[in-house]
Amino acid sequence: MRRQTDPGRVTLAGHEQPAVAPGREPRRNPIRYAAGLVLALSLAAAPLLAACGSGTAHASGSAAVSSACAQVSAALSDGPDPGADPVGYAEAQIKPLRAITTSDSSLRSAIGALATAYADVFSSNDKNAAATKAVTTASKKVNAICPGAAS
């Protein structure tokens, strides 16, 4: 129940409170506001942070995996343009990928599969659809461990 008793006071359920001037709201408690903001941002960022992880424990922080991922990315950035010369690009990737060593068995397997797929594209002169699909599949496996390395 709200009733006006005095132009400067508003009574709410028996408690008098000063009237708020138009356009002026009471100040927020900065600590509660900051805590709410942190909570909201944390909830919003949780799915994004989960998406950044590859879903595999071995890719999360190992220096050896990070080093191998950097080598894969560097190897795949060299060579002819894959759109203009897919056979030349495939040929340029085989040796560098096979030269990469890592103690992580999943990454080693993914890199090996990608090198083999590129070898198949090269040997078929890019006429084998299965070889092209194998490159796509192997690239996805590498990207699952090293996000963006084979993109």
N, C-alpha and C. Protein backbone atom coordinates (compact mmCIF):
# COMPACT_ATOMS: atom_id res chain seq x y z
N MET A 1 0.85 -1.17 0.00
CA MET A 1 0.00 0.00 0.00
C MET A 1 0.89 1.23 0.00
N ARG A 2 0.55 2.10 -0.87
CA ARG A 2 1.36 3.29 -1.02
C ARG A 2 0.47 4.51 -0.84
N ARG A 3 0.87 5.39 0.01
CA ARG A 3 0.09 6.61 0.16
C ARG A 3 1.03 7.78 0.37
N GLN A 4 0.61 8.89 -0.10
CA GLN A 4 1.41 10.09 0.01
C GLN A 4 1.00 10.83 1.28
N THR A 5 1.96 11.05 2.18
CA THR A 5 1.64 11.77 3.41
C THR A 5 2.23 13.16 3.41
N ASP A 6 3.39 13.28 2.82
CA ASP A 6 4.10 14.54 2.81
C ASP A 6 4.78 14.65 1.44
N PRO A 7 4.85 15.80 0.84
CA PRO A 7 5.46 15.88 -0.49
C PRO A 7 6.90 15.34 -0.51
N GLY A 8 7.61 15.36 0.60
CA GLY A 8 8.99 14.88 0.65
C GLY A 8 9.13 13.46 1.13
N ARG A 9 8.06 12.81 1.54
CA ARG A 9 8.13 11.46 2.10
C ARG A 9 7.10 10.55 1.44
N VAL A 10 7.45 9.28 1.31
CA VAL A 10 6.53 8.28 0.80
C VAL A 10 6.44 7.20 1.86
N THR A 11 5.24 6.78 2.17
CA THR A 11 5.06 5.74 3.17
C THR A 11 4.78 4.43 2.46
N LEU A 12 5.58 3.44 2.75
CA LEU A 12 5.39 2.10 2.22
C LEU A 12 5.24 1.16 3.38
N ALA A 13 4.09 0.58 3.51
CA ALA A 13 3.81 -0.39 4.57
C ALA A 13 4.26 0.13 5.94
N GLY A 14 4.00 1.37 6.21
CA GLY A 14 4.27 1.92 7.52
C GLY A 14 5.68 2.48 7.70
N HIS A 15 6.54 2.40 6.69
CA HIS A 15 7.90 2.93 6.79
C HIS A 15 8.02 4.17 5.91
N GLU A 16 8.51 5.22 6.50
CA GLU A 16 8.69 6.43 5.72
C GLU A 16 10.05 6.40 5.05
N GLN A 17 10.06 6.76 3.78
CA GLN A 17 11.30 6.82 3.01
C GLN A 17 11.32 8.12 2.24
N PRO A 18 12.49 8.68 1.99
CA PRO A 18 12.53 9.92 1.22
C PRO A 18 12.06 9.66 -0.21
N ALA A 19 11.36 10.58 -0.78
CA ALA A 19 10.91 10.46 -2.17
C ALA A 19 12.12 10.60 -3.08
N VAL A 20 12.10 9.88 -4.19
CA VAL A 20 13.19 9.94 -5.15
C VAL A 20 12.83 10.97 -6.20
N ALA A 21 13.75 11.87 -6.43
CA ALA A 21 13.52 12.91 -7.42
C ALA A 21 13.46 12.27 -8.80
N PRO A 22 12.64 12.79 -9.68
CA PRO A 22 12.55 12.24 -11.04
C PRO A 22 13.93 12.22 -11.71
N GLY A 23 14.26 11.10 -12.36
CA GLY A 23 15.54 10.96 -13.04
C GLY A 23 16.70 10.61 -12.14
N ARG A 24 16.43 10.42 -10.86
CA ARG A 24 17.52 10.11 -9.94
C ARG A 24 17.15 8.86 -9.17
N GLU A 25 17.95 7.81 -9.37
CA GLU A 25 17.69 6.56 -8.70
C GLU A 25 18.66 6.39 -7.54
N PRO A 26 18.29 5.57 -6.56
CA PRO A 26 19.23 5.32 -5.46
C PRO A 26 20.50 4.65 -6.00
N ARG A 27 21.62 4.88 -5.34
CA ARG A 27 22.91 4.30 -5.76
C ARG A 27 22.91 2.80 -5.52
N ARG A 28 23.54 2.10 -6.43
CA ARG A 28 23.69 0.66 -6.28
C ARG A 28 24.85 0.38 -5.35
N ASN A 29 24.74 -0.73 -4.66
CA ASN A 29 25.85 -1.17 -3.83
C ASN A 29 26.93 -1.69 -4.78
N PRO A 30 28.09 -1.04 -4.85
CA PRO A 30 29.10 -1.42 -5.85
C PRO A 30 29.63 -2.85 -5.66
N ILE A 31 29.67 -3.34 -4.45
CA ILE A 31 30.17 -4.69 -4.22
C ILE A 31 29.17 -5.72 -4.74
N ARG A 32 27.90 -5.50 -4.45
CA ARG A 32 26.87 -6.42 -4.95
C ARG A 32 26.80 -6.35 -6.48
N TYR A 33 26.92 -5.15 -7.02
CA TYR A 33 26.88 -4.98 -8.46
C TYR A 33 28.05 -5.72 -9.13
N ALA A 34 29.26 -5.57 -8.58
CA ALA A 34 30.45 -6.23 -9.14
C ALA A 34 30.32 -7.75 -9.01
N ALA A 35 29.81 -8.22 -7.88
CA ALA A 35 29.66 -9.67 -7.70
C ALA A 35 28.65 -10.23 -8.70
N GLY A 36 27.58 -9.52 -8.91
CA GLY A 36 26.58 -9.95 -9.89
C GLY A 36 27.14 -9.93 -11.31
N LEU A 37 27.93 -8.92 -11.61
CA LEU A 37 28.54 -8.81 -12.92
C LEU A 37 29.52 -9.96 -13.16
N VAL A 38 30.34 -10.27 -12.16
CA VAL A 38 31.29 -11.38 -12.27
C VAL A 38 30.54 -12.69 -12.47
N LEU A 39 29.49 -12.90 -11.72
CA LEU A 39 28.71 -14.13 -11.85
C LEU A 39 28.09 -14.23 -13.25
N ALA A 40 27.52 -13.14 -13.73
CA ALA A 40 26.90 -13.16 -15.06
C ALA A 40 27.93 -13.42 -16.15
N LEU A 41 29.08 -12.78 -16.06
CA LEU A 41 30.13 -12.99 -17.06
C LEU A 41 30.68 -14.41 -16.99
N SER A 42 30.80 -14.95 -15.79
CA SER A 42 31.28 -16.32 -15.64
C SER A 42 30.32 -17.31 -16.28
N LEU A 43 29.05 -17.10 -16.05
CA LEU A 43 28.05 -17.99 -16.64
C LEU A 43 28.02 -17.87 -18.16
N ALA A 44 28.22 -16.65 -18.65
CA ALA A 44 28.23 -16.45 -20.10
C ALA A 44 29.50 -17.02 -20.73
N ALA A 45 30.63 -16.95 -20.02
CA ALA A 45 31.90 -17.40 -20.57
C ALA A 45 32.11 -18.90 -20.46
N ALA A 46 31.40 -19.57 -19.58
CA ALA A 46 31.62 -21.01 -19.37
C ALA A 46 31.48 -21.82 -20.65
N PRO A 47 30.42 -21.63 -21.44
CA PRO A 47 30.33 -22.41 -22.68
C PRO A 47 31.43 -22.06 -23.67
N LEU A 48 31.84 -20.78 -23.69
CA LEU A 48 32.91 -20.39 -24.60
C LEU A 48 34.23 -21.02 -24.21
N LEU A 49 34.51 -21.05 -22.92
CA LEU A 49 35.75 -21.66 -22.46
C LEU A 49 35.73 -23.15 -22.69
N ALA A 50 34.58 -23.77 -22.53
CA ALA A 50 34.48 -25.21 -22.79
C ALA A 50 34.70 -25.49 -24.27
N ALA A 51 34.22 -24.59 -25.12
CA ALA A 51 34.40 -24.79 -26.56
C ALA A 51 35.85 -24.62 -26.97
N CYS A 52 36.59 -23.80 -26.25
CA CYS A 52 38.00 -23.60 -26.58
C CYS A 52 38.82 -24.84 -26.30
N GLY A 53 38.44 -25.60 -25.30
CA GLY A 53 39.15 -26.84 -25.02
C GLY A 53 38.83 -27.84 -26.10
N SER A 54 39.74 -28.72 -26.38
CA SER A 54 39.51 -29.68 -27.45
C SER A 54 38.71 -30.88 -26.98
N GLY A 55 38.45 -30.97 -25.71
CA GLY A 55 37.73 -32.11 -25.20
C GLY A 55 38.65 -33.28 -24.88
N THR A 56 39.93 -33.08 -25.10
CA THR A 56 40.89 -34.13 -24.78
C THR A 56 41.85 -33.59 -23.75
N ALA A 57 42.14 -34.41 -22.76
CA ALA A 57 42.98 -33.96 -21.66
C ALA A 57 44.40 -33.71 -22.10
N HIS A 58 44.89 -34.45 -23.08
CA HIS A 58 46.29 -34.34 -23.46
C HIS A 58 46.61 -33.04 -24.17
N ALA A 59 45.63 -32.37 -24.76
CA ALA A 59 45.90 -31.15 -25.51
C ALA A 59 45.82 -29.90 -24.65
N SER A 60 45.46 -30.05 -23.40
CA SER A 60 45.16 -28.88 -22.60
C SER A 60 46.37 -28.09 -22.16
N GLY A 61 47.51 -28.69 -21.90
CA GLY A 61 48.59 -27.87 -21.40
C GLY A 61 49.97 -28.43 -21.60
N SER A 62 50.11 -29.53 -22.24
CA SER A 62 51.41 -30.14 -22.42
C SER A 62 52.28 -29.29 -23.34
N ALA A 63 53.48 -29.00 -22.88
CA ALA A 63 54.41 -28.22 -23.69
C ALA A 63 54.80 -28.99 -24.95
N ALA A 64 54.91 -30.31 -24.85
CA ALA A 64 55.26 -31.12 -26.01
C ALA A 64 54.16 -31.06 -27.07
N VAL A 65 52.92 -31.13 -26.62
CA VAL A 65 51.80 -31.06 -27.56
C VAL A 65 51.73 -29.67 -28.18
N SER A 66 51.92 -28.64 -27.38
CA SER A 66 51.89 -27.27 -27.90
C SER A 66 52.98 -27.06 -28.94
N SER A 67 54.15 -27.60 -28.68
CA SER A 67 55.26 -27.49 -29.63
C SER A 67 54.94 -28.21 -30.93
N ALA A 68 54.40 -29.41 -30.82
CA ALA A 68 54.04 -30.19 -32.02
C ALA A 68 52.93 -29.48 -32.80
N CYS A 69 51.98 -28.90 -32.08
CA CYS A 69 50.89 -28.17 -32.75
C CYS A 69 51.45 -26.98 -33.52
N ALA A 70 52.39 -26.29 -32.94
CA ALA A 70 53.02 -25.16 -33.63
C ALA A 70 53.76 -25.64 -34.88
N GLN A 71 54.41 -26.79 -34.79
CA GLN A 71 55.12 -27.35 -35.94
C GLN A 71 54.13 -27.75 -37.05
N VAL A 72 53.00 -28.33 -36.66
CA VAL A 72 51.98 -28.71 -37.65
C VAL A 72 51.46 -27.46 -38.35
N SER A 73 51.14 -26.45 -37.57
CA SER A 73 50.63 -25.20 -38.13
C SER A 73 51.64 -24.59 -39.09
N ALA A 74 52.90 -24.58 -38.69
CA ALA A 74 53.95 -24.02 -39.55
C ALA A 74 54.11 -24.83 -40.83
N ALA A 75 54.08 -26.15 -40.71
CA ALA A 75 54.24 -27.02 -41.89
C ALA A 75 53.10 -26.80 -42.87
N LEU A 76 51.88 -26.69 -42.37
CA LEU A 76 50.73 -26.56 -43.25
C LEU A 76 50.58 -25.16 -43.83
N SER A 77 51.30 -24.20 -43.29
CA SER A 77 51.21 -22.85 -43.83
C SER A 77 52.17 -22.66 -45.00
N ASP A 78 53.08 -23.60 -45.21
CA ASP A 78 54.04 -23.51 -46.32
C ASP A 78 53.52 -24.25 -47.54
N GLY A 79 54.04 -23.88 -48.68
CA GLY A 79 53.70 -24.57 -49.92
C GLY A 79 52.77 -23.74 -50.78
N PRO A 80 52.43 -24.30 -51.93
CA PRO A 80 51.53 -23.58 -52.85
C PRO A 80 50.14 -23.41 -52.24
N ASP A 81 49.35 -22.57 -52.89
CA ASP A 81 47.97 -22.35 -52.45
C ASP A 81 47.19 -23.64 -52.68
N PRO A 82 46.56 -24.19 -51.63
CA PRO A 82 45.85 -25.46 -51.80
C PRO A 82 44.67 -25.38 -52.77
N GLY A 83 44.06 -24.22 -52.91
CA GLY A 83 42.95 -24.08 -53.84
C GLY A 83 43.42 -24.04 -55.29
N ALA A 84 44.56 -23.42 -55.52
CA ALA A 84 45.08 -23.28 -56.88
C ALA A 84 45.86 -24.51 -57.33
N ASP A 85 46.58 -25.15 -56.41
CA ASP A 85 47.41 -26.31 -56.76
C ASP A 85 47.30 -27.37 -55.67
N PRO A 86 46.19 -28.11 -55.61
CA PRO A 86 46.01 -29.08 -54.54
C PRO A 86 47.05 -30.20 -54.55
N VAL A 87 47.51 -30.59 -55.72
CA VAL A 87 48.52 -31.66 -55.81
C VAL A 87 49.86 -31.15 -55.29
N GLY A 88 50.25 -29.97 -55.70
CA GLY A 88 51.51 -29.39 -55.22
C GLY A 88 51.48 -29.12 -53.73
N TYR A 89 50.33 -28.66 -53.25
CA TYR A 89 50.19 -28.42 -51.82
C TYR A 89 50.31 -29.73 -51.04
N ALA A 90 49.63 -30.76 -51.53
CA ALA A 90 49.69 -32.06 -50.86
C ALA A 90 51.13 -32.57 -50.82
N GLU A 91 51.84 -32.44 -51.95
CA GLU A 91 53.24 -32.90 -52.00
C GLU A 91 54.10 -32.13 -51.01
N ALA A 92 53.85 -30.83 -50.88
CA ALA A 92 54.66 -29.98 -50.00
C ALA A 92 54.43 -30.29 -48.52
N GLN A 93 53.33 -30.98 -48.18
CA GLN A 93 53.01 -31.25 -46.78
C GLN A 93 53.56 -32.58 -46.27
N ILE A 94 53.78 -33.52 -47.15
CA ILE A 94 54.11 -34.89 -46.74
C ILE A 94 55.37 -34.96 -45.88
N LYS A 95 56.50 -34.50 -46.39
CA LYS A 95 57.77 -34.60 -45.65
C LYS A 95 57.75 -33.80 -44.35
N PRO A 96 57.31 -32.53 -44.38
CA PRO A 96 57.30 -31.78 -43.12
C PRO A 96 56.43 -32.42 -42.04
N LEU A 97 55.28 -32.95 -42.43
CA LEU A 97 54.41 -33.60 -41.44
C LEU A 97 55.06 -34.87 -40.88
N ARG A 98 55.68 -35.64 -41.73
CA ARG A 98 56.33 -36.87 -41.28
C ARG A 98 57.55 -36.59 -40.42
N ALA A 99 58.12 -35.40 -40.52
CA ALA A 99 59.29 -35.05 -39.71
C ALA A 99 58.92 -34.62 -38.30
N ILE A 100 57.65 -34.35 -38.06
CA ILE A 100 57.21 -33.90 -36.73
C ILE A 100 57.14 -35.09 -35.79
N THR A 101 57.78 -34.95 -34.65
CA THR A 101 57.72 -36.01 -33.63
C THR A 101 57.07 -35.45 -32.37
N THR A 102 56.31 -36.31 -31.72
CA THR A 102 55.66 -35.93 -30.47
C THR A 102 55.47 -37.17 -29.61
N SER A 103 55.48 -36.97 -28.32
CA SER A 103 55.27 -38.09 -27.40
C SER A 103 53.79 -38.42 -27.23
N ASP A 104 52.92 -37.55 -27.70
CA ASP A 104 51.48 -37.76 -27.59
C ASP A 104 51.02 -38.70 -28.70
N SER A 105 50.55 -39.87 -28.33
CA SER A 105 50.20 -40.89 -29.32
C SER A 105 49.01 -40.48 -30.20
N SER A 106 48.02 -39.81 -29.63
CA SER A 106 46.86 -39.38 -30.42
C SER A 106 47.27 -38.36 -31.47
N LEU A 107 48.08 -37.41 -31.07
CA LEU A 107 48.54 -36.39 -32.01
C LEU A 107 49.45 -37.01 -33.07
N ARG A 108 50.34 -37.89 -32.64
CA ARG A 108 51.23 -38.58 -33.59
C ARG A 108 50.41 -39.33 -34.64
N SER A 109 49.37 -40.02 -34.20
CA SER A 109 48.50 -40.77 -35.10
C SER A 109 47.76 -39.83 -36.06
N ALA A 110 47.25 -38.73 -35.54
CA ALA A 110 46.52 -37.78 -36.38
C ALA A 110 47.43 -37.14 -37.43
N ILE A 111 48.66 -36.80 -37.03
CA ILE A 111 49.61 -36.22 -37.98
C ILE A 111 49.99 -37.25 -39.04
N GLY A 112 50.21 -38.47 -38.62
CA GLY A 112 50.53 -39.54 -39.57
C GLY A 112 49.41 -39.78 -40.56
N ALA A 113 48.18 -39.77 -40.08
CA ALA A 113 47.02 -39.96 -40.97
C ALA A 113 46.91 -38.81 -41.96
N LEU A 114 47.20 -37.61 -41.52
CA LEU A 114 47.14 -36.45 -42.42
C LEU A 114 48.24 -36.54 -43.48
N ALA A 115 49.44 -36.92 -43.07
CA ALA A 115 50.54 -37.07 -44.03
C ALA A 115 50.21 -38.15 -45.06
N THR A 116 49.65 -39.26 -44.60
CA THR A 116 49.26 -40.35 -45.51
C THR A 116 48.16 -39.90 -46.46
N ALA A 117 47.20 -39.16 -45.96
CA ALA A 117 46.11 -38.66 -46.81
C ALA A 117 46.66 -37.72 -47.88
N TYR A 118 47.58 -36.83 -47.50
CA TYR A 118 48.20 -35.95 -48.49
C TYR A 118 49.00 -36.76 -49.51
N ALA A 119 49.68 -37.82 -49.07
CA ALA A 119 50.42 -38.68 -50.00
C ALA A 119 49.47 -39.34 -51.00
N ASP A 120 48.29 -39.74 -50.53
CA ASP A 120 47.31 -40.35 -51.42
C ASP A 120 46.76 -39.33 -52.43
N VAL A 121 46.54 -38.11 -52.00
CA VAL A 121 46.09 -37.05 -52.91
C VAL A 121 47.16 -36.82 -53.97
N PHE A 122 48.42 -36.76 -53.54
CA PHE A 122 49.51 -36.53 -54.48
C PHE A 122 49.65 -37.68 -55.47
N SER A 123 49.65 -38.91 -54.96
CA SER A 123 49.85 -40.06 -55.85
C SER A 123 48.69 -40.26 -56.83
N SER A 124 47.48 -39.83 -56.45
CA SER A 124 46.33 -39.96 -57.36
C SER A 124 46.14 -38.74 -58.24
N ASN A 125 47.05 -37.77 -58.10
CA ASN A 125 46.96 -36.51 -58.85
C ASN A 125 45.62 -35.81 -58.58
N ASP A 126 45.16 -35.92 -57.33
CA ASP A 126 43.90 -35.33 -56.86
C ASP A 126 42.68 -35.85 -57.62
N LYS A 127 42.75 -37.09 -58.08
CA LYS A 127 41.63 -37.70 -58.80
C LYS A 127 40.87 -38.69 -57.93
N ASN A 128 41.33 -38.94 -56.71
CA ASN A 128 40.72 -39.92 -55.82
C ASN A 128 39.90 -39.19 -54.77
N ALA A 129 38.57 -39.30 -54.86
CA ALA A 129 37.68 -38.61 -53.91
C ALA A 129 37.88 -39.12 -52.49
N ALA A 130 38.21 -40.41 -52.35
CA ALA A 130 38.43 -40.97 -51.02
C ALA A 130 39.67 -40.35 -50.36
N ALA A 131 40.68 -40.05 -51.16
CA ALA A 131 41.89 -39.42 -50.62
C ALA A 131 41.59 -38.00 -50.15
N THR A 132 40.79 -37.30 -50.93
CA THR A 132 40.40 -35.94 -50.55
C THR A 132 39.58 -35.95 -49.27
N LYS A 133 38.68 -36.92 -49.16
CA LYS A 133 37.87 -37.05 -47.94
C LYS A 133 38.76 -37.43 -46.76
N ALA A 134 39.78 -38.25 -47.00
CA ALA A 134 40.70 -38.64 -45.92
C ALA A 134 41.46 -37.42 -45.40
N VAL A 135 41.81 -36.49 -46.29
CA VAL A 135 42.47 -35.25 -45.85
C VAL A 135 41.54 -34.46 -44.93
N THR A 136 40.28 -34.36 -45.31
CA THR A 136 39.29 -33.63 -44.50
C THR A 136 39.13 -34.29 -43.12
N THR A 137 39.02 -35.61 -43.11
CA THR A 137 38.85 -36.35 -41.85
C THR A 137 40.08 -36.21 -40.97
N ALA A 138 41.27 -36.38 -41.57
CA ALA A 138 42.52 -36.29 -40.80
C ALA A 138 42.73 -34.86 -40.29
N SER A 139 42.36 -33.87 -41.10
CA SER A 139 42.48 -32.47 -40.67
C SER A 139 41.61 -32.19 -39.45
N LYS A 140 40.40 -32.77 -39.43
CA LYS A 140 39.51 -32.59 -38.28
C LYS A 140 40.11 -33.21 -37.03
N LYS A 141 40.76 -34.37 -37.18
CA LYS A 141 41.39 -35.02 -36.03
C LYS A 141 42.55 -34.18 -35.49
N VAL A 142 43.35 -33.63 -36.40
CA VAL A 142 44.45 -32.76 -35.97
C VAL A 142 43.89 -31.52 -35.29
N ASN A 143 42.85 -30.92 -35.87
CA ASN A 143 42.24 -29.71 -35.28
C ASN A 143 41.60 -29.98 -33.93
N ALA A 144 41.15 -31.21 -33.70
CA ALA A 144 40.56 -31.54 -32.40
C ALA A 144 41.62 -31.48 -31.30
N ILE A 145 42.85 -31.77 -31.66
CA ILE A 145 43.95 -31.73 -30.67
C ILE A 145 44.66 -30.38 -30.71
N CYS A 146 44.83 -29.86 -31.91
CA CYS A 146 45.52 -28.57 -32.12
C CYS A 146 44.54 -27.64 -32.84
N PRO A 147 43.65 -26.97 -32.10
CA PRO A 147 42.63 -26.14 -32.74
C PRO A 147 43.21 -25.15 -33.74
N GLY A 148 42.71 -25.25 -34.98
CA GLY A 148 43.10 -24.32 -36.02
C GLY A 148 44.38 -24.65 -36.76
N ALA A 149 45.11 -25.66 -36.34
CA ALA A 149 46.40 -25.96 -36.96
C ALA A 149 46.25 -26.45 -38.39
N ALA A 150 45.20 -27.19 -38.68
CA ALA A 150 45.01 -27.75 -40.01
C ALA A 150 43.88 -27.07 -40.76
N SER A 151 43.64 -25.82 -40.41
CA SER A 151 42.53 -25.10 -41.06
C SER A 151 43.03 -24.29 -42.23
